[in-house]
Amino acid sequence: MSASQPPEDAPDPEVADAVLSYLRRHPQAADTLLGITRWWLPQQRYEREHGRIEAVLKVLAERGELQVRKLPDGTALYTLGPPPATSDSEPS
């Protein structure tokens, strides 16, 4: 890996921010890659960047920021991951 390339597991920050921002505003939202590309992100900028968005969704899912469910046809459905565990409750 050269110094100018981001680590392989680093998602495209612009796309990652757009996806996570949408999900934080709409925490019950769930959609496929096609739906995310068409409806969640500004069409004029991302419609032709299907592969770029798919790579970001994969990394966000691997990090636990998104959950992925497979639909009966095998299509992935993406939702906001579970909230981070809090350490408010300490064992007694």
PDB file of N, CA and C in Angstrom:
ATOM      1  N   MET A   1       0.857  -1.181   0.000  1.00  0.00           N
ATOM      2  CA  MET A   1       0.000   0.000   0.000  1.00  0.00           C
ATOM      3  C   MET A   1       0.890   1.227   0.000  1.00  0.00           C
ATOM      4  N   SER A   2       0.633   2.178  -0.883  1.00  0.00           N
ATOM      5  CA  SER A   2       1.430   3.391  -0.930  1.00  0.00           C
ATOM      6  C   SER A   2       0.888   4.398   0.081  1.00  0.00           C
ATOM      7  N   ALA A   3       1.702   5.397   0.385  1.00  0.00           N
ATOM      8  CA  ALA A   3       1.314   6.393   1.372  1.00  0.00           C
ATOM      9  C   ALA A   3       0.105   7.208   0.927  1.00  0.00           C
ATOM     10  N   SER A   4      -0.154   7.300  -0.379  1.00  0.00           N
ATOM     11  CA  SER A   4      -1.263   8.111  -0.862  1.00  0.00           C
ATOM     12  C   SER A   4      -2.596   7.368  -0.885  1.00  0.00           C
ATOM     13  N   GLN A   5      -2.584   6.068  -0.682  1.00  0.00           N
ATOM     14  CA  GLN A   5      -3.822   5.294  -0.716  1.00  0.00           C
ATOM     15  C   GLN A   5      -4.335   5.073   0.702  1.00  0.00           C
ATOM     16  N   PRO A   6      -5.669   5.204   0.910  1.00  0.00           N
ATOM     17  CA  PRO A   6      -6.223   4.927   2.226  1.00  0.00           C
ATOM     18  C   PRO A   6      -6.156   3.428   2.506  1.00  0.00           C
ATOM     19  N   PRO A   7      -6.204   3.034   3.776  1.00  0.00           N
ATOM     20  CA  PRO A   7      -6.229   1.604   4.093  1.00  0.00           C
ATOM     21  C   PRO A   7      -7.404   0.936   3.400  1.00  0.00           C
ATOM     22  N   GLU A   8      -7.257  -0.335   3.106  1.00  0.00           N
ATOM     23  CA  GLU A   8      -8.297  -1.064   2.364  1.00  0.00           C
ATOM     24  C   GLU A   8      -9.638  -1.038   3.080  1.00  0.00           C
ATOM     25  N   ASP A   9      -9.635  -1.026   4.427  1.00  0.00           N
ATOM     26  CA  ASP A   9     -10.888  -1.042   5.160  1.00  0.00           C
ATOM     27  C   ASP A   9     -11.440   0.361   5.437  1.00  0.00           C
ATOM     28  N   ALA A  10     -10.818   1.401   4.886  1.00  0.00           N
ATOM     29  CA  ALA A  10     -11.308   2.761   5.071  1.00  0.00           C
ATOM     30  C   ALA A  10     -12.340   3.072   4.003  1.00  0.00           C
ATOM     31  N   PRO A  11     -13.611   3.313   4.409  1.00  0.00           N
ATOM     32  CA  PRO A  11     -14.610   3.622   3.396  1.00  0.00           C
ATOM     33  C   PRO A  11     -14.411   5.025   2.856  1.00  0.00           C
ATOM     34  N   ASP A  12     -14.960   5.268   1.711  1.00  0.00           N
ATOM     35  CA  ASP A  12     -14.954   6.600   1.121  1.00  0.00           C
ATOM     36  C   ASP A  12     -15.677   7.512   2.115  1.00  0.00           C
ATOM     37  N   PRO A  13     -14.984   8.489   2.704  1.00  0.00           N
ATOM     38  CA  PRO A  13     -15.597   9.283   3.775  1.00  0.00           C
ATOM     39  C   PRO A  13     -16.840  10.055   3.334  1.00  0.00           C
ATOM     40  N   GLU A  14     -16.882  10.527   2.111  1.00  0.00           N
ATOM     41  CA  GLU A  14     -18.043  11.285   1.637  1.00  0.00           C
ATOM     42  C   GLU A  14     -19.282  10.392   1.583  1.00  0.00           C
ATOM     43  N   VAL A  15     -19.121   9.189   1.050  1.00  0.00           N
ATOM     44  CA  VAL A  15     -20.256   8.268   0.940  1.00  0.00           C
ATOM     45  C   VAL A  15     -20.645   7.762   2.322  1.00  0.00           C
ATOM     46  N   ALA A  16     -19.663   7.389   3.131  1.00  0.00           N
ATOM     47  CA  ALA A  16     -19.951   6.892   4.479  1.00  0.00           C
ATOM     48  C   ALA A  16     -20.716   7.936   5.281  1.00  0.00           C
ATOM     49  N   ASP A  17     -20.280   9.186   5.235  1.00  0.00           N
ATOM     50  CA  ASP A  17     -20.966  10.253   5.962  1.00  0.00           C
ATOM     51  C   ASP A  17     -22.398  10.428   5.468  1.00  0.00           C
ATOM     52  N   ALA A  18     -22.594  10.353   4.149  1.00  0.00           N
ATOM     53  CA  ALA A  18     -23.934  10.517   3.585  1.00  0.00           C
ATOM     54  C   ALA A  18     -24.868   9.392   4.036  1.00  0.00           C
ATOM     55  N   VAL A  19     -24.380   8.150   4.003  1.00  0.00           N
ATOM     56  CA  VAL A  19     -25.201   6.992   4.408  1.00  0.00           C
ATOM     57  C   VAL A  19     -25.526   7.075   5.894  1.00  0.00           C
ATOM     58  N   LEU A  20     -24.509   7.285   6.724  1.00  0.00           N
ATOM     59  CA  LEU A  20     -24.738   7.316   8.169  1.00  0.00           C
ATOM     60  C   LEU A  20     -25.571   8.522   8.584  1.00  0.00           C
ATOM     61  N   SER A  21     -25.388   9.645   7.926  1.00  0.00           N
ATOM     62  CA  SER A  21     -26.194  10.833   8.216  1.00  0.00           C
ATOM     63  C   SER A  21     -27.665  10.565   7.916  1.00  0.00           C
ATOM     64  N   TYR A  22     -27.930   9.931   6.771  1.00  0.00           N
ATOM     65  CA  TYR A  22     -29.310   9.602   6.418  1.00  0.00           C
ATOM     66  C   TYR A  22     -29.917   8.682   7.472  1.00  0.00           C
ATOM     67  N   LEU A  23     -29.163   7.664   7.875  1.00  0.00           N
ATOM     68  CA  LEU A  23     -29.688   6.701   8.840  1.00  0.00           C
ATOM     69  C   LEU A  23     -29.872   7.309  10.222  1.00  0.00           C
ATOM     70  N   ARG A  24     -29.061   8.242  10.572  1.00  0.00           N
ATOM     71  CA  ARG A  24     -29.246   8.907  11.876  1.00  0.00           C
ATOM     72  C   ARG A  24     -30.500   9.783  11.862  1.00  0.00           C
ATOM     73  N   ARG A  25     -30.810  10.354  10.708  1.00  0.00           N
ATOM     74  CA  ARG A  25     -32.038  11.145  10.578  1.00  0.00           C
ATOM     75  C   ARG A  25     -33.275  10.255  10.446  1.00  0.00           C
ATOM     76  N   HIS A  26     -33.074   9.046   9.926  1.00  0.00           N
ATOM     77  CA  HIS A  26     -34.178   8.097   9.692  1.00  0.00           C
ATOM     78  C   HIS A  26     -33.768   6.731  10.260  1.00  0.00           C
ATOM     79  N   PRO A  27     -33.718   6.585  11.592  1.00  0.00           N
ATOM     80  CA  PRO A  27     -33.162   5.366  12.196  1.00  0.00           C
ATOM     81  C   PRO A  27     -33.928   4.083  11.867  1.00  0.00           C
ATOM     82  N   GLN A  28     -35.147   4.186  11.409  1.00  0.00           N
ATOM     83  CA  GLN A  28     -35.916   2.989  11.054  1.00  0.00           C
ATOM     84  C   GLN A  28     -35.753   2.622   9.580  1.00  0.00           C
ATOM     85  N   ALA A  29     -34.974   3.394   8.846  1.00  0.00           N
ATOM     86  CA  ALA A  29     -34.807   3.157   7.410  1.00  0.00           C
ATOM     87  C   ALA A  29     -34.045   1.868   7.152  1.00  0.00           C
ATOM     88  N   ALA A  30     -34.381   1.222   6.067  1.00  0.00           N
ATOM     89  CA  ALA A  30     -33.692   0.019   5.588  1.00  0.00           C
ATOM     90  C   ALA A  30     -33.859  -0.004   4.082  1.00  0.00           C
ATOM     91  N   ASP A  31     -32.776  -0.344   3.373  1.00  0.00           N
ATOM     92  CA  ASP A  31     -32.897  -0.382   1.922  1.00  0.00           C
ATOM     93  C   ASP A  31     -31.772  -1.208   1.328  1.00  0.00           C
ATOM     94  N   THR A  32     -31.929  -1.516   0.062  1.00  0.00           N
ATOM     95  CA  THR A  32     -30.924  -2.253  -0.698  1.00  0.00           C
ATOM     96  C   THR A  32     -29.898  -1.275  -1.258  1.00  0.00           C
ATOM     97  N   LEU A  33     -28.825  -1.794  -1.815  1.00  0.00           N
ATOM     98  CA  LEU A  33     -27.826  -0.950  -2.451  1.00  0.00           C
ATOM     99  C   LEU A  33     -28.484  -0.072  -3.513  1.00  0.00           C
ATOM    100  N   LEU A  34     -29.339  -0.657  -4.342  1.00  0.00           N
ATOM    101  CA  LEU A  34     -30.017   0.106  -5.387  1.00  0.00           C
ATOM    102  C   LEU A  34     -30.885   1.214  -4.789  1.00  0.00           C
ATOM    103  N   GLY A  35     -31.634   0.894  -3.748  1.00  0.00           N
ATOM    104  CA  GLY A  35     -32.477   1.894  -3.097  1.00  0.00           C
ATOM    105  C   GLY A  35     -31.663   2.998  -2.446  1.00  0.00           C
ATOM    106  N   ILE A  36     -30.563   2.621  -1.786  1.00  0.00           N
ATOM    107  CA  ILE A  36     -29.698   3.617  -1.160  1.00  0.00           C
ATOM    108  C   ILE A  36     -29.149   4.555  -2.222  1.00  0.00           C
ATOM    109  N   THR A  37     -28.716   3.984  -3.330  1.00  0.00           N
ATOM    110  CA  THR A  37     -28.159   4.795  -4.410  1.00  0.00           C
ATOM    111  C   THR A  37     -29.214   5.719  -5.002  1.00  0.00           C
ATOM    112  N   ARG A  38     -30.427   5.205  -5.180  1.00  0.00           N
ATOM    113  CA  ARG A  38     -31.480   5.995  -5.838  1.00  0.00           C
ATOM    114  C   ARG A  38     -32.149   7.003  -4.922  1.00  0.00           C
ATOM    115  N   TRP A  39     -32.365   6.637  -3.643  1.00  0.00           N
ATOM    116  CA  TRP A  39     -33.225   7.454  -2.796  1.00  0.00           C
ATOM    117  C   TRP A  39     -32.501   8.164  -1.660  1.00  0.00           C
ATOM    118  N   TRP A  40     -31.516   7.523  -1.061  1.00  0.00           N
ATOM    119  CA  TRP A  40     -30.881   8.134   0.105  1.00  0.00           C
ATOM    120  C   TRP A  40     -29.834   9.159  -0.287  1.00  0.00           C
ATOM    121  N   LEU A  41     -29.120   8.895  -1.350  1.00  0.00           N
ATOM    122  CA  LEU A  41     -28.013   9.756  -1.751  1.00  0.00           C
ATOM    123  C   LEU A  41     -28.435  10.607  -2.937  1.00  0.00           C
ATOM    124  N   PRO A  42     -27.887  11.789  -3.066  1.00  0.00           N
ATOM    125  CA  PRO A  42     -28.252  12.644  -4.203  1.00  0.00           C
ATOM    126  C   PRO A  42     -27.983  11.939  -5.535  1.00  0.00           C
ATOM    127  N   GLN A  43     -29.021  11.701  -6.295  1.00  0.00           N
ATOM    128  CA  GLN A  43     -28.907  10.939  -7.537  1.00  0.00           C
ATOM    129  C   GLN A  43     -27.854  11.479  -8.481  1.00  0.00           C
ATOM    130  N   GLN A  44     -27.822  12.754  -8.667  1.00  0.00           N
ATOM    131  CA  GLN A  44     -26.925  13.300  -9.667  1.00  0.00           C
ATOM    132  C   GLN A  44     -25.462  13.001  -9.349  1.00  0.00           C
ATOM    133  N   ARG A  45     -25.121  12.755  -8.111  1.00  0.00           N
ATOM    134  CA  ARG A  45     -23.715  12.529  -7.755  1.00  0.00           C
ATOM    135  C   ARG A  45     -23.365  11.058  -7.660  1.00  0.00           C
ATOM    136  N   TYR A  46     -24.300  10.199  -7.269  1.00  0.00           N
ATOM    137  CA  TYR A  46     -23.942   8.834  -6.925  1.00  0.00           C
ATOM    138  C   TYR A  46     -24.528   7.748  -7.832  1.00  0.00           C
ATOM    139  N   GLU A  47     -25.476   8.088  -8.662  1.00  0.00           N
ATOM    140  CA  GLU A  47     -26.170   7.065  -9.436  1.00  0.00           C
ATOM    141  C   GLU A  47     -25.211   6.198 -10.242  1.00  0.00           C
ATOM    142  N   ARG A  48     -24.157   6.785 -10.771  1.00  0.00           N
ATOM    143  CA  ARG A  48     -23.210   6.026 -11.578  1.00  0.00           C
ATOM    144  C   ARG A  48     -22.081   5.417 -10.760  1.00  0.00           C
ATOM    145  N   GLU A  49     -22.119   5.591  -9.455  1.00  0.00           N
ATOM    146  CA  GLU A  49     -21.028   5.128  -8.601  1.00  0.00           C
ATOM    147  C   GLU A  49     -21.459   3.965  -7.723  1.00  0.00           C
ATOM    148  N   HIS A  50     -22.196   3.061  -8.291  1.00  0.00           N
ATOM    149  CA  HIS A  50     -22.731   1.890  -7.604  1.00  0.00           C
ATOM    150  C   HIS A  50     -21.622   1.118  -6.877  1.00  0.00           C
ATOM    151  N   GLY A  51     -20.518   0.843  -7.544  1.00  0.00           N
ATOM    152  CA  GLY A  51     -19.414   0.085  -6.951  1.00  0.00           C
ATOM    153  C   GLY A  51     -18.783   0.799  -5.780  1.00  0.00           C
ATOM    154  N   ARG A  52     -18.630   2.110  -5.886  1.00  0.00           N
ATOM    155  CA  ARG A  52     -18.056   2.914  -4.810  1.00  0.00           C
ATOM    156  C   ARG A  52     -18.940   2.832  -3.569  1.00  0.00           C
ATOM    157  N   ILE A  53     -20.237   2.953  -3.745  1.00  0.00           N
ATOM    158  CA  ILE A  53     -21.175   2.902  -2.632  1.00  0.00           C
ATOM    159  C   ILE A  53     -21.222   1.500  -2.042  1.00  0.00           C
ATOM    160  N   GLU A  54     -21.204   0.487  -2.891  1.00  0.00           N
ATOM    161  CA  GLU A  54     -21.226  -0.888  -2.400  1.00  0.00           C
ATOM    162  C   GLU A  54     -20.009  -1.171  -1.518  1.00  0.00           C
ATOM    163  N   ALA A  55     -18.843  -0.677  -1.906  1.00  0.00           N
ATOM    164  CA  ALA A  55     -17.628  -0.880  -1.118  1.00  0.00           C
ATOM    165  C   ALA A  55     -17.754  -0.218   0.254  1.00  0.00           C
ATOM    166  N   VAL A  56     -18.329   0.973   0.298  1.00  0.00           N
ATOM    167  CA  VAL A  56     -18.513   1.675   1.567  1.00  0.00           C
ATOM    168  C   VAL A  56     -19.495   0.914   2.454  1.00  0.00           C
ATOM    169  N   LEU A  57     -20.609   0.461   1.883  1.00  0.00           N
ATOM    170  CA  LEU A  57     -21.597  -0.283   2.667  1.00  0.00           C
ATOM    171  C   LEU A  57     -20.978  -1.545   3.263  1.00  0.00           C
ATOM    172  N   LYS A  58     -20.132  -2.223   2.495  1.00  0.00           N
ATOM    173  CA  LYS A  58     -19.472  -3.430   2.979  1.00  0.00           C
ATOM    174  C   LYS A  58     -18.600  -3.129   4.191  1.00  0.00           C
ATOM    175  N   VAL A  59     -17.804  -2.074   4.109  1.00  0.00           N
ATOM    176  CA  VAL A  59     -16.918  -1.716   5.223  1.00  0.00           C
ATOM    177  C   VAL A  59     -17.730  -1.288   6.444  1.00  0.00           C
ATOM    178  N   LEU A  60     -18.775  -0.483   6.239  1.00  0.00           N
ATOM    179  CA  LEU A  60     -19.599  -0.055   7.366  1.00  0.00           C
ATOM    180  C   LEU A  60     -20.269  -1.247   8.042  1.00  0.00           C
ATOM    181  N   ALA A  61     -20.668  -2.238   7.264  1.00  0.00           N
ATOM    182  CA  ALA A  61     -21.259  -3.450   7.834  1.00  0.00           C
ATOM    183  C   ALA A  61     -20.211  -4.243   8.607  1.00  0.00           C
ATOM    184  N   GLU A  62     -19.015  -4.347   8.061  1.00  0.00           N
ATOM    185  CA  GLU A  62     -17.950  -5.071   8.759  1.00  0.00           C
ATOM    186  C   GLU A  62     -17.605  -4.407  10.088  1.00  0.00           C
ATOM    187  N   ARG A  63     -17.714  -3.110  10.145  1.00  0.00           N
ATOM    188  CA  ARG A  63     -17.436  -2.365  11.380  1.00  0.00           C
ATOM    189  C   ARG A  63     -18.591  -2.416  12.377  1.00  0.00           C
ATOM    190  N   GLY A  64     -19.740  -2.911  11.952  1.00  0.00           N
ATOM    191  CA  GLY A  64     -20.897  -2.978  12.831  1.00  0.00           C
ATOM    192  C   GLY A  64     -21.745  -1.719  12.817  1.00  0.00           C
ATOM    193  N   GLU A  65     -21.415  -0.747  11.951  1.00  0.00           N
ATOM    194  CA  GLU A  65     -22.201   0.482  11.879  1.00  0.00           C
ATOM    195  C   GLU A  65     -23.490   0.261  11.097  1.00  0.00           C
ATOM    196  N   LEU A  66     -23.507  -0.748  10.240  1.00  0.00           N
ATOM    197  CA  LEU A  66     -24.706  -1.144   9.509  1.00  0.00           C
ATOM    198  C   LEU A  66     -24.946  -2.626   9.758  1.00  0.00           C
ATOM    199  N   GLN A  67     -26.209  -3.019   9.696  1.00  0.00           N
ATOM    200  CA  GLN A  67     -26.570  -4.430   9.715  1.00  0.00           C
ATOM    201  C   GLN A  67     -27.005  -4.798   8.305  1.00  0.00           C
ATOM    202  N   VAL A  68     -26.741  -6.036   7.930  1.00  0.00           N
ATOM    203  CA  VAL A  68     -27.118  -6.504   6.596  1.00  0.00           C
ATOM    204  C   VAL A  68     -27.996  -7.738   6.754  1.00  0.00           C
ATOM    205  N   ARG A  69     -29.147  -7.710   6.091  1.00  0.00           N
ATOM    206  CA  ARG A  69     -30.017  -8.884   6.025  1.00  0.00           C
ATOM    207  C   ARG A  69     -30.148  -9.255   4.570  1.00  0.00           C
ATOM    208  N   LYS A  70     -30.183 -10.544   4.317  1.00  0.00           N
ATOM    209  CA  LYS A  70     -30.384 -11.014   2.943  1.00  0.00           C
ATOM    210  C   LYS A  70     -31.875 -11.233   2.710  1.00  0.00           C
ATOM    211  N   LEU A  71     -32.366 -10.655   1.644  1.00  0.00           N
ATOM    212  CA  LEU A  71     -33.750 -10.866   1.233  1.00  0.00           C
ATOM    213  C   LEU A  71     -33.855 -12.216   0.535  1.00  0.00           C
ATOM    214  N   PRO A  72     -35.071 -12.740   0.357  1.00  0.00           N
ATOM    215  CA  PRO A  72     -35.227 -14.053  -0.275  1.00  0.00           C
ATOM    216  C   PRO A  72     -34.533 -14.186  -1.632  1.00  0.00           C
ATOM    217  N   ASP A  73     -34.442 -13.086  -2.370  1.00  0.00           N
ATOM    218  CA  ASP A  73     -33.785 -13.160  -3.681  1.00  0.00           C
ATOM    219  C   ASP A  73     -32.268 -13.004  -3.585  1.00  0.00           C
ATOM    220  N   GLY A  74     -31.739 -12.860  -2.355  1.00  0.00           N
ATOM    221  CA  GLY A  74     -30.298 -12.731  -2.159  1.00  0.00           C
ATOM    222  C   GLY A  74     -29.805 -11.297  -2.094  1.00  0.00           C
ATOM    223  N   THR A  75     -30.687 -10.338  -2.351  1.00  0.00           N
ATOM    224  CA  THR A  75     -30.313  -8.933  -2.283  1.00  0.00           C
ATOM    225  C   THR A  75     -30.055  -8.543  -0.834  1.00  0.00           C
ATOM    226  N   ALA A  76     -29.028  -7.738  -0.601  1.00  0.00           N
ATOM    227  CA  ALA A  76     -28.713  -7.274   0.750  1.00  0.00           C
ATOM    228  C   ALA A  76     -29.592  -6.079   1.106  1.00  0.00           C
ATOM    229  N   LEU A  77     -30.094  -6.072   2.341  1.00  0.00           N
ATOM    230  CA  LEU A  77     -30.878  -4.970   2.881  1.00  0.00           C
ATOM    231  C   LEU A  77     -30.061  -4.364   4.015  1.00  0.00           C
ATOM    232  N   TYR A  78     -29.790  -3.061   3.953  1.00  0.00           N
ATOM    233  CA  TYR A  78     -28.928  -2.388   4.925  1.00  0.00           C
ATOM    234  C   TYR A  78     -29.753  -1.548   5.883  1.00  0.00           C
ATOM    235  N   THR A  79     -29.445  -1.642   7.175  1.00  0.00           N
ATOM    236  CA  THR A  79     -30.080  -0.837   8.211  1.00  0.00           C
ATOM    237  C   THR A  79     -28.993  -0.328   9.154  1.00  0.00           C
ATOM    238  N   LEU A  80     -29.355   0.623   9.983  1.00  0.00           N
ATOM    239  CA  LEU A  80     -28.433   1.136  10.978  1.00  0.00           C
ATOM    240  C   LEU A  80     -28.076   0.012  11.938  1.00  0.00           C
ATOM    241  N   GLY A  81     -26.808  -0.088  12.288  1.00  0.00           N
ATOM    242  CA  GLY A  81     -26.358  -1.119  13.218  1.00  0.00           C
ATOM    243  C   GLY A  81     -26.903  -0.863  14.611  1.00  0.00           C
ATOM    244  N   PRO A  82     -26.701  -1.828  15.508  1.00  0.00           N
ATOM    245  CA  PRO A  82     -27.190  -1.648  16.876  1.00  0.00           C
ATOM    246  C   PRO A  82     -26.431  -0.512  17.553  1.00  0.00           C
ATOM    247  N   PRO A  83     -27.081   0.158  18.508  1.00  0.00           N
ATOM    248  CA  PRO A  83     -26.366   1.233  19.204  1.00  0.00           C
ATOM    249  C   PRO A  83     -25.173   0.655  19.956  1.00  0.00           C
ATOM    250  N   PRO A  84     -24.118   1.437  20.113  1.00  0.00           N
ATOM    251  CA  PRO A  84     -22.954   0.933  20.831  1.00  0.00           C
ATOM    252  C   PRO A  84     -23.320   0.599  22.268  1.00  0.00           C
ATOM    253  N   ALA A  85     -22.699  -0.434  22.793  1.00  0.00           N
ATOM    254  CA  ALA A  85     -22.939  -0.828  24.181  1.00  0.00           C
ATOM    255  C   ALA A  85     -22.413   0.276  25.096  1.00  0.00           C
ATOM    256  N   THR A  86     -23.179   0.570  26.131  1.00  0.00           N
ATOM    257  CA  THR A  86     -22.732   1.575  27.090  1.00  0.00           C
ATOM    258  C   THR A  86     -22.221   0.892  28.328  1.00  0.00           C
ATOM    259  N   SER A  87     -21.341   1.532  29.025  1.00  0.00           N
ATOM    260  CA  SER A  87     -20.800   0.955  30.260  1.00  0.00           C
ATOM    261  C   SER A  87     -21.426   1.607  31.478  1.00  0.00           C
ATOM    262  N   ASP A  88     -22.678   2.085  31.316  1.00  0.00           N
ATOM    263  CA  ASP A  88     -23.380   2.728  32.434  1.00  0.00           C
ATOM    264  C   ASP A  88     -23.664   1.758  33.560  1.00  0.00           C
ATOM    265  N   SER A  89     -23.967   0.526  33.225  1.00  0.00           N
ATOM    266  CA  SER A  89     -24.296  -0.442  34.259  1.00  0.00           C
ATOM    267  C   SER A  89     -23.072  -1.295  34.557  1.00  0.00           C
ATOM    268  N   GLU A  90     -22.506  -1.049  35.731  1.00  0.00           N
ATOM    269  CA  GLU A  90     -21.350  -1.828  36.144  1.00  0.00           C
ATOM    270  C   GLU A  90     -21.817  -3.020  36.961  1.00  0.00           C
ATOM    271  N   PRO A  91     -21.115  -4.150  36.879  1.00  0.00           N
ATOM    272  CA  PRO A  91     -21.525  -5.314  37.658  1.00  0.00           C
ATOM    273  C   PRO A  91     -21.445  -5.009  39.154  1.00  0.00           C
ATOM    274  N   SER A  92     -22.441  -5.520  39.906  1.00  0.00           N
ATOM    275  CA  SER A  92     -22.430  -5.294  41.341  1.00  0.00           C
ATOM    276  C   SER A  92     -21.762  -6.410  42.081  1.00  0.00           C
TER     277      SER A  92
END
